[in-house]
Structure formats: structure tokens, C-alpha cells
C-alpha atoms as a PDB file:
ATOM      1  CA  UNK A   1       0.000   0.000   0.000  1.00  0.00           C
ATOM      2  CA  UNK A   2       2.917   2.361  -0.411  1.00  0.00           C
ATOM      3  CA  UNK A   3       1.786   5.830  -1.361  1.00  0.00           C
ATOM      4  CA  UNK A   4      -1.822   5.196  -0.445  1.00  0.00           C
ATOM      5  CA  UNK A   5      -3.444   7.625   1.965  1.00  0.00           C
ATOM      6  CA  UNK A   6      -5.695   5.801   4.430  1.00  0.00           C
ATOM      7  CA  UNK A   7      -6.799   8.739   6.608  1.00  0.00           C
ATOM      8  CA  UNK A   8      -7.824  12.296   5.955  1.00  0.00           C
ATOM      9  CA  UNK A   9      -5.699  14.278   6.130  1.00  0.00           C
ATOM     10  CA  UNK A  10      -2.516  12.339   5.459  1.00  0.00           C
ATOM     11  CA  UNK A  11       0.829  14.102   5.076  1.00  0.00           C
ATOM     12  CA  UNK A  12       3.626  12.385   3.177  1.00  0.00           C
ATOM     13  CA  UNK A  13       7.246  13.532   3.238  1.00  0.00           C
ATOM     14  CA  UNK A  14       9.296  12.241   0.329  1.00  0.00           C
ATOM     15  CA  UNK A  15      13.032  11.761   0.206  1.00  0.00           C
ATOM     16  CA  UNK A  16      15.226  12.935  -2.653  1.00  0.00           C
ATOM     17  CA  UNK A  17      14.520   9.715  -4.573  1.00  0.00           C
ATOM     18  CA  UNK A  18      10.754  10.144  -4.287  1.00  0.00           C
ATOM     19  CA  UNK A  19      10.320   7.448  -1.640  1.00  0.00           C
ATOM     20  CA  UNK A  20       8.046   7.968   1.342  1.00  0.00           C
ATOM     21  CA  UNK A  21      10.280   8.962   4.249  1.00  0.00           C
ATOM     22  CA  UNK A  22       7.511   9.876   6.697  1.00  0.00           C
ATOM     23  CA  UNK A  23       3.749   9.551   6.907  1.00  0.00           C
ATOM     24  CA  UNK A  24       1.486  11.345   9.370  1.00  0.00           C
ATOM     25  CA  UNK A  25      -2.178  10.378   9.554  1.00  0.00           C
ATOM     26  CA  UNK A  26      -4.343  13.178  10.840  1.00  0.00           C
ATOM     27  CA  UNK A  27      -3.538  16.796  11.548  1.00  0.00           C
ATOM     28  CA  UNK A  28       0.123  17.818  11.712  1.00  0.00           C
ATOM     29  CA  UNK A  29       1.647  20.920  13.241  1.00  0.00           C
ATOM     30  CA  UNK A  30       4.078  23.147  11.431  1.00  0.00           C
ATOM     31  CA  UNK A  31       6.782  22.258  13.959  1.00  0.00           C
ATOM     32  CA  UNK A  32       6.297  18.531  13.363  1.00  0.00           C
ATOM     33  CA  UNK A  33       6.360  18.942   9.600  1.00  0.00           C
ATOM     34  CA  UNK A  34       9.491  21.084   9.722  1.00  0.00           C
ATOM     35  CA  UNK A  35      11.178  18.494  11.947  1.00  0.00           C
ATOM     36  CA  UNK A  36      10.330  15.676   9.547  1.00  0.00           C
ATOM     37  CA  UNK A  37      11.565  17.633   6.526  1.00  0.00           C
ATOM     38  CA  UNK A  38      14.768  18.611   8.358  1.00  0.00           C
ATOM     39  CA  UNK A  39      15.399  14.952   9.219  1.00  0.00           C
ATOM     40  CA  UNK A  40      14.950  13.869   5.603  1.00  0.00           C
ATOM     41  CA  UNK A  41      17.227  16.638   4.331  1.00  0.00           C
ATOM     42  CA  UNK A  42      19.903  15.713   6.878  1.00  0.00           C
ATOM     43  CA  UNK A  43      19.940  12.137   5.578  1.00  0.00           C
ATOM     44  CA  UNK A  44      21.400  13.284   2.378  1.00  0.00           C
END
């Protein structure tokens, strides 16, 4: 089921290769989203 959203809303963070690096089901705060994006960017 990769790439399939099962809840509304669902936030997906993709890595540089287009793979799902993080998935949050339900509401997400700006701080959480920024942290997830920062983590993915730090991986390379």
C-alpha cells in the first residue's frame, strides 16, 4: 500500500529519490512537519 493515503488528512514527506520517508495520519503541526523535513534533508 505504499503511497496510499488511508486517513484524511494524510501528510507524506518524500526523500530525494521520491520514496516515502515519513507519513502522518491526521492533523500535523508546522513544527512537526518542519522536523520531519529537516530529518529527511539531513539524511542526504
